[in-house]
Amino acid sequence: MYWNDWPFQRIVFLFTGIAFLMMFIQVTLFHYRQNFRHWSMWIPVLATPLFGLLLLFLTAYNAPWLRVTLAVLLGVGSAAGVYGSYQHMSGVGERVGGYELRNFLTGPPVMLPGIITALSLLGIAAIYWGE
């Protein structure tokens, strides 16, 4: 099958799924480095590979039940990303010196949870794009 035969929606599913799997590696490394000191660190470690694999599966098999399930899960994922942004900003503030530039450079990456939210919203948009 040629790429020219794929609708744009399917390509977005593919690359969003790959992005979630790549995000899984990065999030796992960062949270492992911090020894999973808070229970919420497990949320993206467990959710990102699930989202990635389901999006890749949706790329190959366009089932209505899978689209609905994925839309709900990605909605939860976007909310979890917002919560993660709050946690990361709080983590920066807890460091010695508070919200100084050096703490943004060495503390929790404040943009990473936002990227999870953005990828989740992109996945939701792609699901409803062709309807």
Protein backbone atom coordinates (compact mmCIF):
# COMPACT_ATOMS: atom_id res chain seq x y z
CA MET A 1 0.00 0.00 0.00
CA TYR A 2 1.32 3.44 -0.89
CA TRP A 3 1.36 6.45 1.42
CA ASN A 4 -0.64 8.38 -1.16
CA ASP A 5 -3.55 6.02 -0.53
CA TRP A 6 -3.69 6.82 3.19
CA PRO A 7 -6.02 9.56 4.42
CA PHE A 8 -4.39 12.26 6.52
CA GLN A 9 -6.30 11.04 9.58
CA ARG A 10 -4.58 7.67 9.39
CA ILE A 11 -1.14 9.26 9.11
CA VAL A 12 -1.89 11.35 12.21
CA PHE A 13 -2.86 8.15 14.08
CA LEU A 14 0.42 6.56 13.06
CA PHE A 15 2.70 9.41 14.03
CA THR A 16 0.81 10.24 17.22
CA GLY A 17 1.12 6.60 18.25
CA ILE A 18 4.86 6.65 17.56
CA ALA A 19 5.17 9.93 19.51
CA PHE A 20 3.42 8.38 22.53
CA LEU A 21 5.80 5.40 22.43
CA MET A 22 8.78 7.75 22.29
CA MET A 23 7.28 9.78 25.12
CA PHE A 24 6.97 6.56 27.13
CA ILE A 25 10.73 6.06 27.00
CA GLN A 26 11.48 9.63 28.10
CA VAL A 27 8.88 9.70 30.88
CA THR A 28 10.01 6.34 32.21
CA LEU A 29 13.64 7.46 32.34
CA PHE A 30 12.79 10.70 34.15
CA HIS A 31 10.48 9.07 36.68
CA TYR A 32 12.83 6.14 37.25
CA ARG A 33 15.58 8.69 37.96
CA GLN A 34 13.34 10.09 40.72
CA ASN A 35 12.56 6.57 42.05
CA PHE A 36 8.81 7.00 41.45
CA ARG A 37 8.61 8.97 44.70
CA HIS A 38 4.97 9.95 44.07
CA TRP A 39 2.22 7.56 42.95
CA SER A 40 1.20 9.86 40.10
CA MET A 41 4.52 9.23 38.36
CA TRP A 42 3.13 5.88 37.29
CA ILE A 43 0.25 7.44 35.31
CA PRO A 44 2.23 8.48 32.21
CA VAL A 45 4.50 5.45 32.47
CA LEU A 46 1.47 3.16 32.16
CA ALA A 47 -0.71 5.34 29.92
CA THR A 48 1.70 6.43 27.17
CA PRO A 49 2.51 2.93 25.86
CA LEU A 50 -1.18 2.02 26.02
CA PHE A 51 -2.12 5.12 24.01
CA GLY A 52 0.71 4.53 21.56
CA LEU A 53 -0.16 0.91 20.91
CA LEU A 54 -3.89 1.60 20.60
CA LEU A 55 -3.21 4.40 18.11
CA LEU A 56 -0.99 2.09 16.06
CA PHE A 57 -3.69 -0.57 16.22
CA LEU A 58 -6.24 2.03 15.08
CA THR A 59 -3.94 2.84 12.16
CA ALA A 60 -4.23 -0.76 11.00
CA TYR A 61 -7.77 -1.59 12.12
CA ASN A 62 -10.36 1.19 12.06
CA ALA A 63 -12.99 -0.20 14.42
CA PRO A 64 -15.74 2.06 15.84
CA TRP A 65 -15.39 0.58 19.35
CA LEU A 66 -11.66 1.28 19.28
CA ARG A 67 -12.23 4.90 18.26
CA VAL A 68 -14.66 5.45 21.14
CA THR A 69 -12.43 3.69 23.67
CA LEU A 70 -9.41 5.64 22.52
CA ALA A 71 -11.29 8.96 22.61
CA VAL A 72 -12.28 8.34 26.23
CA LEU A 73 -8.77 7.24 27.23
CA LEU A 74 -7.16 10.20 25.47
CA GLY A 75 -9.59 12.51 27.27
CA VAL A 76 -8.40 11.07 30.56
CA GLY A 77 -4.83 11.41 29.28
CA SER A 78 -5.27 15.08 28.54
CA ALA A 79 -6.61 15.66 32.05
CA ALA A 80 -3.71 13.66 33.48
CA GLY A 81 -1.32 15.89 31.53
CA VAL A 82 -2.87 18.99 33.09
CA TYR A 83 -2.48 17.38 36.53
CA GLY A 84 1.11 16.50 35.66
CA SER A 85 1.79 20.11 34.70
CA TYR A 86 0.55 21.18 38.12
CA GLN A 87 2.74 18.55 39.81
CA HIS A 88 5.82 19.56 37.82
CA MET A 89 5.33 23.27 38.54
CA SER A 90 4.88 22.46 42.22
CA GLY A 91 8.03 20.35 42.09
CA VAL A 92 10.02 23.26 40.72
CA GLY A 93 8.68 25.49 43.49
CA GLU A 94 9.70 22.98 46.19
CA ARG A 95 13.36 23.17 45.21
CA VAL A 96 15.73 25.42 47.15
CA GLY A 97 15.25 28.93 45.80
CA GLY A 98 11.74 28.27 44.46
CA TYR A 99 10.85 29.42 40.97
CA GLU A 100 14.32 30.48 39.85
CA LEU A 101 15.68 29.77 36.39
CA ARG A 102 18.16 27.21 37.67
CA ASN A 103 15.31 25.19 39.19
CA PHE A 104 13.45 25.19 35.89
CA LEU A 105 16.62 23.88 34.24
CA THR A 106 17.37 21.15 36.80
CA GLY A 107 13.95 20.36 38.27
CA PRO A 108 10.99 18.52 36.80
CA PRO A 109 10.54 19.29 33.10
CA VAL A 110 7.51 21.57 33.12
CA MET A 111 6.79 21.16 29.40
CA LEU A 112 6.65 17.36 29.30
CA PRO A 113 3.16 16.90 30.79
CA GLY A 114 1.89 19.61 28.45
CA ILE A 115 3.20 17.61 25.52
CA ILE A 116 1.21 14.61 26.73
CA THR A 117 -1.89 16.81 26.89
CA ALA A 118 -1.21 18.15 23.40
CA LEU A 119 -0.67 14.66 21.94
CA SER A 120 -3.87 13.44 23.62
CA LEU A 121 -5.85 16.33 22.15
CA LEU A 122 -4.26 15.71 18.74
CA GLY A 123 -5.37 12.09 18.95
CA ILE A 124 -8.92 13.12 19.87
CA ALA A 125 -8.99 15.65 17.03
CA ALA A 126 -7.80 12.98 14.58
CA ILE A 127 -10.47 10.55 15.75
CA TYR A 128 -13.26 13.03 15.02
CA TRP A 129 -11.54 14.62 12.00
CA GLY A 130 -13.09 12.36 9.40
CA GLU A 131 -16.58 12.12 10.84
